[in-house]
Protein backbone atom coordinates (compact mmCIF):
# COMPACT_ATOMS: atom_id res chain seq x y z
CA MET A 1 0.10 0.04 0.01
CA ALA A 2 2.80 2.52 0.88
CA THR A 3 4.39 1.65 -2.45
CA ASP A 4 1.21 2.20 -4.34
CA LYS A 5 0.69 5.61 -2.53
CA MET A 6 4.19 6.60 -3.36
CA ASP A 7 3.69 5.82 -7.22
CA ALA A 8 0.47 7.70 -7.01
CA ASN A 9 2.23 10.81 -5.55
CA GLY A 10 5.01 10.55 -8.05
CA GLU A 11 2.49 10.40 -11.00
CA LEU A 12 0.84 13.41 -9.46
CA ASP A 13 3.96 15.28 -9.17
CA GLU A 14 4.52 14.56 -12.68
CA ILE A 15 1.37 15.78 -13.86
CA LEU A 16 1.66 18.87 -11.90
CA GLN A 17 5.13 19.65 -13.39
CA ARG A 18 3.64 19.19 -16.83
CA VAL A 19 0.93 21.57 -16.13
CA ALA A 20 3.57 23.97 -14.78
CA ASP A 21 5.48 23.62 -17.97
CA LEU A 22 2.37 24.23 -20.07
CA GLN A 23 1.53 27.40 -18.06
CA LYS A 24 5.18 28.69 -18.58
CA TRP A 25 4.96 28.24 -22.28
CA ARG A 26 1.47 29.59 -22.34
CA ASP A 27 2.76 32.74 -20.65
CA VAL A 28 5.63 33.09 -23.19
CA PHE A 29 3.40 32.86 -26.12
CA ASP A 30 0.77 35.22 -24.76
CA SER A 31 3.55 37.83 -24.01
CA ARG A 32 4.92 37.33 -27.53
CA GLY A 33 1.53 37.82 -28.96
CA LEU A 34 1.24 41.21 -27.02
CA GLU A 35 4.58 42.22 -28.18
CA LEU A 36 3.66 41.28 -31.81
CA GLN A 37 0.55 43.69 -31.48
CA GLN A 38 3.06 46.39 -30.28
CA GLY A 39 5.46 45.63 -33.17
CA CYS A 40 8.63 44.65 -30.78
CA VAL A 41 8.94 40.94 -31.13
CA LYS A 42 12.24 39.66 -32.05
CA ARG A 43 12.54 37.48 -35.14
CA PRO A 44 11.82 33.82 -34.16
CA SER A 45 14.22 31.10 -35.17
CA GLU A 46 11.69 28.63 -36.18
CA LYS A 47 8.91 28.87 -38.94
CA LYS A 48 5.58 30.17 -37.77
CA SER A 49 2.14 30.46 -39.43
CA ASP A 50 -0.09 33.31 -38.97
CA GLU A 51 -3.75 32.79 -37.68
CA ASP A 52 -5.03 32.40 -41.28
CA GLY A 53 -2.88 29.26 -41.62
CA GLU A 54 -0.53 30.76 -43.99
CA ASP A 55 2.93 29.13 -44.58
CA SER A 56 5.51 31.70 -43.45
CA SER A 57 8.55 29.77 -44.80
CA HIS A 58 9.00 32.13 -47.71
CA PRO A 59 12.40 33.75 -48.20
CA ALA A 60 13.05 36.87 -45.79
CA SER A 61 12.26 40.07 -47.51
CA ARG A 62 16.03 41.26 -47.37
CA PRO A 63 19.26 39.53 -46.56
CA PRO A 64 20.50 38.95 -43.00
CA SER A 65 22.30 41.66 -41.37
CA THR A 66 24.19 41.99 -38.13
CA SER A 67 22.42 45.23 -37.29
CA ALA A 68 19.88 45.48 -34.63
CA GLN A 69 17.35 46.38 -37.18
CA SER A 70 17.61 42.89 -38.95
CA HIS A 71 16.48 41.20 -35.59
CA GLN A 72 13.26 42.86 -35.45
CA PHE A 73 10.12 40.71 -36.32
CA THR A 74 8.99 40.54 -39.91
CA ALA A 75 5.26 39.62 -40.31
CA PRO A 76 4.61 36.69 -42.72
CA TYR A 77 4.06 38.02 -46.42
CA SER A 78 5.25 41.57 -45.34
CA ILE A 79 6.24 43.80 -48.26
CA PRO A 80 10.12 43.77 -49.07
CA GLN A 81 11.83 46.89 -48.00
CA ALA A 82 12.67 47.66 -51.70
CA LEU A 83 8.99 48.11 -52.32
CA ALA A 84 8.35 50.52 -49.37
CA VAL A 85 8.51 54.31 -50.10
CA SER A 86 9.91 56.84 -47.85
CA ALA A 87 7.49 58.42 -45.34
CA SER A 88 8.82 61.71 -46.27
CA LEU A 89 7.64 61.48 -49.79
CA GLY A 90 4.66 63.63 -48.98
CA GLY A 91 1.62 61.43 -48.71
CA GLN A 92 -1.08 61.57 -46.16
CA ALA A 93 -0.60 58.98 -43.49
CA MET A 94 -3.30 56.35 -43.01
CA SER A 95 -5.35 57.16 -39.88
CA PRO A 96 -7.14 54.81 -37.49
CA GLU A 97 -10.56 56.21 -38.61
CA LEU A 98 -9.70 55.75 -42.45
CA ALA A 99 -8.60 52.25 -41.87
CA VAL A 100 -11.84 51.20 -40.00
CA SER A 101 -13.83 52.90 -42.72
CA LEU A 102 -11.81 50.91 -45.38
CA ARG A 103 -12.25 47.61 -43.69
CA THR A 104 -15.99 48.23 -43.40
CA VAL A 105 -16.67 49.09 -46.92
CA LEU A 106 -14.63 46.00 -48.10
CA PHE A 107 -15.66 43.33 -45.60
CA GLY A 108 -18.61 44.76 -43.51
CA ASN A 109 -16.39 44.59 -40.31
CA THR A 110 -12.93 45.53 -39.10
CA PHE A 111 -11.96 42.09 -38.20
CA HIS A 112 -11.59 40.28 -41.57
CA ILE A 113 -8.21 40.83 -43.36
CA PHE A 114 -7.09 39.64 -46.81
CA ASN A 115 -6.08 35.92 -46.90
CA TYR A 116 -2.88 34.54 -48.57
CA GLU A 117 -4.51 34.27 -51.91
CA TRP A 118 -5.08 38.02 -52.11
CA LYS A 119 -1.75 38.84 -50.36
CA LYS A 120 0.37 37.02 -52.97
CA SER A 121 -1.38 38.51 -55.99
CA PHE A 122 0.25 41.18 -58.14
CA PHE A 123 0.19 42.42 -61.83
CA LYS A 124 2.46 39.83 -63.40
CA PHE A 125 2.98 39.98 -67.30
CA ARG A 126 3.60 37.20 -69.51
CA GLU A 127 6.94 36.97 -71.38
CA PRO A 128 7.97 40.31 -73.19
CA PHE A 129 8.12 39.91 -77.13
CA SER A 130 6.07 37.03 -77.18
CA GLU A 131 2.71 36.05 -78.49
CA MET A 132 1.38 36.68 -75.01
CA ALA A 133 3.41 39.77 -74.24
CA TYR A 134 0.16 41.87 -73.78
CA ALA A 135 -1.27 39.41 -71.17
CA LEU A 136 -1.38 39.49 -67.29
CA GLU A 137 -0.92 36.00 -65.74
CA THR A 138 -3.58 35.43 -63.12
CA GLU A 139 -4.43 32.64 -60.67
CA ARG A 140 -7.87 31.36 -59.88
CA GLY A 141 -9.31 33.39 -56.79
CA GLY A 142 -11.03 36.38 -55.81
CA ALA A 143 -8.32 38.92 -57.12
CA CYS A 144 -8.61 37.56 -60.65
CA ALA A 145 -11.75 39.60 -61.30
CA VAL A 146 -9.59 42.71 -60.46
CA GLN A 147 -6.67 41.56 -62.72
CA MET A 148 -9.06 41.04 -65.77
CA VAL A 149 -10.52 44.30 -65.64
CA VAL A 150 -7.06 45.82 -65.70
CA GLN A 151 -6.15 43.38 -68.47
CA ALA A 152 -8.96 44.70 -70.52
CA HIS A 153 -7.71 48.36 -69.92
CA ILE A 154 -4.17 47.25 -70.86
CA ILE A 155 -5.49 45.87 -74.20
CA LYS A 156 -7.37 49.19 -74.68
CA TYR A 157 -4.10 51.15 -74.25
CA LEU A 158 -2.22 48.81 -76.44
CA LEU A 159 -4.81 48.78 -79.28
CA PHE A 160 -6.34 52.26 -79.17
CA ASN A 161 -4.39 54.70 -76.99
CA ARG A 162 -0.76 54.30 -78.10
CA SER A 163 0.97 56.42 -80.64
CA ALA A 164 -0.78 57.07 -83.92
CA GLU A 165 1.92 55.01 -85.74
CA SER A 166 0.75 51.80 -83.70
CA ASP A 167 -1.17 49.30 -85.62
CA CYS A 168 -4.57 48.19 -83.99
CA THR A 169 -3.87 44.56 -84.67
CA ILE A 170 -3.19 41.47 -82.55
CA GLN A 171 0.30 41.15 -83.95
CA SER A 172 1.13 44.67 -82.73
CA MET A 173 0.52 43.51 -79.06
CA MET A 174 3.24 40.74 -79.75
CA THR A 175 5.94 43.20 -80.05
CA VAL A 176 5.48 44.66 -76.61
CA GLY A 177 8.65 44.94 -74.61
CA GLU A 178 9.08 45.29 -70.72
CA MET A 179 9.14 48.99 -70.81
CA GLU A 180 5.88 49.15 -72.95
CA GLN A 181 4.30 46.55 -70.45
CA ARG A 182 5.15 49.07 -67.53
CA LYS A 183 3.64 51.95 -69.57
CA ALA A 184 0.55 49.89 -70.35
CA LEU A 185 0.05 48.95 -66.72
CA ALA A 186 0.44 52.38 -65.53
CA ALA A 187 -1.96 53.69 -68.11
CA ALA A 188 -4.65 51.18 -67.27
CA LEU A 189 -4.45 51.80 -63.50
CA THR A 190 -4.69 55.40 -64.04
CA ASP A 191 -7.74 55.22 -66.40
CA ILE A 192 -9.61 53.15 -63.78
CA LEU A 193 -8.74 55.45 -60.94
CA TRP A 194 -9.43 58.61 -62.90
CA ALA A 195 -12.88 57.47 -63.65
CA ALA A 196 -13.53 56.42 -59.98
CA GLY A 197 -12.57 60.00 -59.03
CA GLU A 198 -15.23 61.45 -61.56
CA GLU A 199 -12.31 62.62 -63.78
CA GLU A 200 -11.27 65.11 -60.89
CA THR A 201 -8.74 63.23 -58.71
CA VAL A 202 -6.77 60.31 -58.31
CA THR A 203 -5.61 58.83 -55.01
CA VAL A 204 -2.58 56.37 -55.10
CA CYS A 205 -1.88 54.13 -51.92
CA LEU A 206 1.73 53.04 -51.39
CA VAL A 207 3.29 51.43 -48.33
CA THR A 208 5.88 52.90 -46.02
CA SER A 209 8.40 51.21 -43.83
CA GLU A 210 6.91 52.65 -40.80
CA ARG A 211 3.39 52.00 -39.16
CA CYS A 212 1.37 55.14 -39.35
CA PHE A 213 -0.65 54.14 -36.19
CA THR A 214 -1.28 51.71 -33.50
CA PRO A 215 -4.53 49.94 -33.77
CA HIS A 216 -7.17 49.58 -31.24
CA LEU A 217 -9.02 46.58 -29.86
CA ASN A 218 -11.67 46.69 -32.35
CA TYR A 219 -9.23 46.46 -35.34
CA LYS A 220 -7.30 43.36 -36.50
CA LEU A 221 -3.70 44.09 -37.40
CA ASP A 222 -2.45 43.18 -40.88
CA SER A 223 0.98 44.82 -40.69
CA PHE A 224 0.11 46.43 -44.13
CA THR A 225 -2.95 48.75 -44.02
CA GLU A 226 -1.51 50.51 -40.98
CA ARG A 227 1.73 51.39 -43.06
CA LEU A 228 -0.29 53.22 -46.04
CA GLN A 229 0.64 56.55 -47.39
CA LEU A 230 -2.13 58.33 -49.82
CA PHE A 231 -1.00 60.61 -52.63
CA THR A 232 -3.70 62.50 -54.24
CA PHE A 233 -3.39 64.30 -57.64
CA LYS A 234 -5.78 66.66 -59.53
CA LYS A 235 -4.27 66.03 -63.03
CA LYS A 236 -4.42 62.62 -64.65
CA GLU A 237 -1.11 62.76 -66.27
CA GLU A 238 0.59 63.67 -62.96
CA ALA A 239 -0.98 60.55 -61.43
CA ARG A 240 0.05 58.35 -64.40
CA ALA A 241 3.67 59.61 -64.01
CA PHE A 242 3.62 58.91 -60.26
CA ILE A 243 2.20 55.42 -60.85
CA TYR A 244 4.84 54.62 -63.66
CA GLU A 245 7.54 55.74 -61.33
CA HIS A 246 6.34 53.45 -58.49
CA ILE A 247 5.07 50.74 -60.87
CA GLN A 248 7.08 47.99 -59.08
CA CYS A 249 4.96 48.68 -56.16
CA PHE A 250 2.07 46.89 -58.17
CA ARG A 251 3.90 44.42 -60.53
CA GLU A 252 6.66 42.69 -58.36
CA GLU A 253 6.28 39.66 -56.23
CA GLY A 254 5.50 40.39 -52.69
CA SER A 255 4.14 43.74 -53.37
CA HIS A 256 0.55 43.06 -52.44
CA GLY A 257 -0.09 44.79 -55.76
CA ILE A 258 -3.67 43.99 -56.26
CA ILE A 259 -4.72 45.18 -52.63
CA LEU A 260 -2.75 48.30 -53.03
CA PHE A 261 -4.61 49.12 -56.13
CA LEU A 262 -7.94 48.14 -54.59
CA TYR A 263 -7.41 50.43 -51.77
CA SER A 264 -6.28 53.22 -54.34
CA LEU A 265 -9.57 52.46 -56.12
CA ILE A 266 -11.71 53.01 -53.02
CA PHE A 267 -10.00 56.20 -51.97
CA SER A 268 -10.24 57.64 -55.43
CA ARG A 269 -13.96 56.94 -55.43
CA THR A 270 -14.08 58.03 -51.69
CA ILE A 271 -15.82 55.92 -49.26
CA ASP A 272 -18.70 58.39 -49.08
CA ARG A 273 -19.41 58.05 -52.64
CA ILE A 274 -19.27 54.45 -52.55
CA GLN A 275 -21.72 54.20 -49.80
CA THR A 276 -24.07 56.49 -52.04
CA ASP A 277 -23.52 54.14 -54.91
CA LEU A 278 -24.72 51.09 -52.90
CA ASP A 279 -28.43 50.14 -52.28
CA CYS A 280 -30.13 48.10 -50.00
CA THR A 281 -29.15 44.70 -51.59
CA THR A 282 -25.31 45.43 -50.98
CA THR A 283 -23.49 46.69 -48.14
CA GLN A 284 -19.91 45.91 -48.89
CA LEU A 285 -17.61 45.20 -51.91
CA LEU A 286 -16.37 41.73 -51.00
CA HIS A 287 -18.13 38.51 -49.80
CA LEU A 288 -16.85 35.27 -48.43
CA ARG A 289 -17.48 32.37 -50.61
CA PHE A 290 -15.80 28.92 -50.10
CA GLY A 291 -13.13 30.31 -47.80
CA ASN A 292 -12.04 33.12 -50.11
CA PHE A 293 -13.17 36.74 -50.57
CA VAL A 294 -14.68 37.41 -53.98
CA CYS A 295 -15.80 40.69 -55.77
CA ARG A 296 -19.37 41.64 -55.65
CA GLN A 297 -21.05 43.10 -58.67
CA ALA A 298 -20.73 46.60 -57.10
CA LEU A 299 -16.87 46.19 -57.10
CA ILE A 300 -16.78 44.92 -60.63
CA ASN A 301 -18.97 47.92 -61.70
CA LEU A 302 -16.69 50.39 -59.92
CA LEU A 303 -13.79 48.89 -61.78
CA LEU A 304 -15.63 49.21 -65.06
CA THR A 305 -17.63 52.30 -64.70
CA GLY A 306 -16.17 54.42 -61.85
CA ARG A 307 -19.41 53.87 -59.75
CA ALA A 308 -19.98 51.12 -57.36
CA THR A 309 -23.73 50.34 -58.28
CA PRO A 310 -24.69 46.82 -57.43
CA HIS A 311 -26.57 45.85 -60.55
CA VAL A 312 -25.89 45.20 -64.28
CA PHE A 313 -29.23 46.54 -65.74
CA ASN A 314 -29.50 50.19 -67.06
CA GLY A 315 -30.47 53.06 -64.91
CA THR A 316 -32.52 52.62 -61.78
CA SER A 317 -35.18 50.12 -60.89
CA HIS A 318 -37.19 49.69 -57.76
CA CYS A 319 -37.56 47.08 -55.25
CA LYS A 320 -41.23 46.33 -54.56
CA GLU A 321 -40.52 44.40 -51.36
CA GLN A 322 -38.65 47.07 -49.61
CA ASP A 323 -39.90 50.03 -51.53
CA LYS A 324 -36.42 51.24 -52.23
CA PRO A 325 -34.57 52.04 -55.41
CA LEU A 326 -31.98 49.66 -57.00
CA TYR A 327 -29.12 51.17 -58.81
CA GLY A 328 -27.81 49.88 -62.10
CA VAL A 329 -25.29 51.27 -64.67
CA LEU A 330 -25.89 54.90 -65.88
CA THR A 331 -23.50 55.38 -68.71
CA ARG A 332 -21.50 53.48 -71.44
CA SER A 333 -17.96 53.06 -70.33
CA ASN A 334 -14.83 52.17 -72.49
CA VAL A 335 -14.75 48.42 -71.42
CA GLY A 336 -17.99 46.37 -71.20
CA TYR A 337 -19.30 43.35 -69.29
CA LEU A 338 -20.82 40.09 -70.60
CA LEU A 339 -22.25 37.40 -68.06
CA TRP A 340 -23.02 33.72 -68.52
CA ASN A 341 -23.60 31.06 -65.74
CA ARG A 342 -25.14 27.64 -66.58
CA ASP A 343 -26.41 27.04 -63.07
CA GLN A 344 -28.13 30.44 -62.97
CA VAL A 345 -29.72 29.89 -66.44
CA ASN A 346 -31.00 26.45 -65.44
CA HIS A 347 -32.74 28.09 -62.56
CA ALA A 348 -33.86 31.25 -64.37
CA GLN A 349 -31.71 33.45 -62.21
CA LEU A 350 -29.21 34.91 -64.65
CA PRO A 351 -29.12 38.62 -64.31
CA LEU A 352 -29.88 40.38 -67.78
CA VAL A 353 -26.99 42.72 -68.57
CA GLY A 354 -28.28 46.02 -69.92
CA SER A 355 -27.06 47.76 -73.16
CA MET A 356 -24.76 50.15 -71.18
CA LEU A 357 -22.28 47.30 -70.36
CA LYS A 358 -23.07 45.11 -73.32
CA THR A 359 -22.36 47.87 -75.78
CA PRO A 360 -19.23 49.70 -74.46
CA LYS A 361 -17.49 52.60 -76.36
CA LEU A 362 -14.64 50.08 -77.49
CA PRO A 363 -15.03 46.33 -78.47
CA ILE A 364 -13.52 45.09 -75.26
CA TRP A 365 -15.61 43.07 -72.68
CA VAL A 366 -14.73 41.64 -69.36
CA CYS A 367 -16.41 38.24 -69.21
CA ASN A 368 -17.84 36.46 -66.24
CA ILE A 369 -18.34 32.82 -67.38
CA ASN A 370 -19.58 30.46 -64.74
CA GLY A 371 -17.88 32.42 -62.23
CA THR A 372 -14.51 32.64 -63.94
CA TYR A 373 -13.22 36.00 -65.29
CA SER A 374 -11.71 36.38 -68.82
CA VAL A 375 -11.39 39.12 -71.61
CA LEU A 376 -13.02 39.18 -74.96
CA PHE A 377 -11.91 41.81 -77.41
CA GLY A 378 -11.81 43.06 -81.11
CA THR A 379 -9.40 45.23 -82.97
CA ASN A 380 -11.79 47.18 -84.99
CA CYS A 381 -12.67 50.48 -82.99
CA SER A 382 -15.76 50.96 -85.36
CA LEU A 383 -17.22 47.55 -84.48
CA LEU A 384 -19.94 48.94 -82.17
CA SER A 385 -20.45 52.13 -84.00
CA ASP A 386 -21.21 50.92 -87.43
CA TRP A 387 -23.75 48.14 -87.79
CA LYS A 388 -22.33 46.90 -90.95
CA MET A 389 -19.31 45.76 -89.24
CA GLU A 390 -21.05 43.45 -87.05
CA HIS A 391 -22.16 40.89 -89.96
CA LEU A 392 -18.85 39.09 -89.94
CA PHE A 393 -15.77 40.09 -87.81
CA LEU A 394 -13.23 38.66 -85.52
CA LEU A 395 -12.94 38.44 -81.67
CA TYR A 396 -10.06 37.38 -79.70
CA PHE A 397 -10.19 35.75 -76.22
CA TYR A 398 -7.99 35.45 -73.27
CA ASN A 399 -8.65 33.46 -70.04
CA GLY A 400 -5.82 34.84 -67.91
CA GLN A 401 -4.27 31.33 -67.18
CA PRO A 402 -0.65 30.35 -67.89
CA THR A 403 -1.78 27.26 -69.68
CA GLN A 404 -3.12 29.43 -72.59
CA LEU A 405 -0.30 29.79 -74.93
CA ASN A 406 -1.99 31.64 -77.78
CA THR A 407 -4.62 34.10 -78.11
CA THR A 408 -7.86 32.47 -79.10
CA THR A 409 -9.30 33.82 -82.50
CA LEU A 410 -12.98 33.53 -82.99
CA SER A 411 -14.84 34.38 -86.28
CA ILE A 412 -18.32 35.78 -85.41
CA ASP A 413 -21.10 35.39 -88.08
CA THR A 414 -24.25 37.17 -87.09
CA HIS A 415 -26.34 36.29 -90.28
CA SER A 416 -26.11 32.60 -90.14
CA HIS A 417 -28.37 30.65 -87.55
CA HIS A 418 -27.77 27.06 -88.38
CA TRP A 419 -26.73 26.59 -84.62
CA GLU A 420 -30.28 26.93 -83.68
CA ALA A 421 -31.43 24.42 -85.99
CA ASP A 422 -28.72 21.96 -85.14
CA SER A 423 -29.66 22.41 -81.50
CA ASN A 424 -33.24 20.89 -82.20
CA ASP A 425 -32.10 17.40 -81.91
CA SER A 426 -32.46 14.71 -79.29
CA GLN A 427 -29.75 16.29 -77.08
CA GLY A 428 -32.23 19.06 -76.36
CA ASP A 429 -30.97 22.10 -74.56
CA PRO A 430 -28.52 24.01 -76.40
CA GLU A 431 -26.88 25.42 -73.33
CA LYS A 432 -25.68 21.83 -72.61
CA LYS A 433 -24.58 21.40 -76.17
CA PHE A 434 -22.49 24.52 -76.84
CA PRO A 435 -19.55 25.83 -75.03
CA SER A 436 -20.21 28.49 -72.28
CA LEU A 437 -17.97 31.17 -74.28
CA GLU A 438 -20.30 30.74 -77.17
CA MET A 439 -23.45 31.25 -75.11
CA THR A 440 -21.63 34.31 -73.69
CA ILE A 441 -21.14 35.80 -77.02
CA ARG A 442 -24.86 35.12 -77.82
CA THR A 443 -25.96 37.29 -75.10
CA LYS A 444 -24.54 40.17 -77.13
CA TRP A 445 -25.24 38.80 -80.69
CA GLU A 446 -28.14 36.35 -80.28
CA GLY A 447 -28.07 33.60 -82.88
CA ALA A 448 -24.38 34.27 -83.91
CA VAL A 449 -22.27 31.32 -85.27
CA ILE A 450 -19.00 31.12 -83.75
CA ASP A 451 -16.03 29.43 -85.55
CA TRP A 452 -13.07 28.59 -83.27
CA ASN A 453 -10.53 28.60 -86.26
CA GLY A 454 -8.99 25.28 -85.39
CA THR A 455 -8.85 25.67 -81.61
CA VAL A 456 -10.48 23.03 -79.53
CA PRO A 457 -13.62 24.74 -77.80
CA PHE A 458 -13.27 25.27 -74.25
CA PHE A 459 -15.21 26.89 -71.43
């Protein structure tokens, strides 16, 4: 009995020791978490993951140094020092009030932050002087929608806004070098921001090396938003020159370039204007789907038209249930929008895109096909202004994926209607027989025959 009692006491002592050890480690981690909020934790020697479950085993943003500064903690996916601008550049420092408003208009609260898929996204061109030299390389995810709208504006610049000597041909976009890529990206970003600022102002967000404010308890730290500097311009060319000068902040790996541009878009439009643009159906610009933040239609419309209206129909409608107005698209923009979704068609839920978006000023459309974004475009600037041009013409298609090695060329015939006759067979529903890209094009040109010119149909 005495031996059993001693064994029991020994086991109890061991358990108590383990509890004490766990308590000690918990105190260490709690203190380290507090220090992290205060920005004073030393760099750990072991790999860590942030609370979003993201791998932090990426290379350090700058080479090791023996200086004291090199031992300061660097948050996972922090912006490399080379992509941070000096706080003395003259911008307006981000304030706690602006940061809270920014989070709220994006996510609907101040506790959500962008996940890894958004943080790693930037504007990455394909190989210069190649068949895809004009193209941005995207990944599937919420940021893809933003990249594809910018892609559409890059195409606009390369086809229709370069020097008079430039040819409006698909071949001309294959001769684009790295310098022209930078110019095209700066022009595209500026055009979108200028429209959002009602052609009066542009606000550009860049990141500095120092935090501008210390967040309070109702705000989740992301070690990025708190370091923003806002630069506002009254002239479009000054804004474009500034963006071109700092284009690396949007197009280099680690830059958080898509988020930076999205922040710039919101501040160019202003949060007050965005809240006025929205209606009772939409309260924020992003929503969570399958674990990732995706763009609401209001954000797509803001990118395309400069207004964050939540619907794709023309003008203003009315919600009978709530007796409130619903806001659609008010004017034609340079880049249009086409929508097709098999599931929504099958359930009679596909929104009807109005003529303001279907018929833009230039033959370039961002396509939302089954929830995936891509770009459809033509090289004839008169296509949408001369009805005779719409009988037989070419369109080009790019889906943003690195697996697409050539621009897809499509011949569109709006006079032949044999596809409708062919669809009246035992297979029934034409939406199940024809590729979704073809059905997307037919939302603009009903009954058109599409020839893929040797490319195996996809989408």
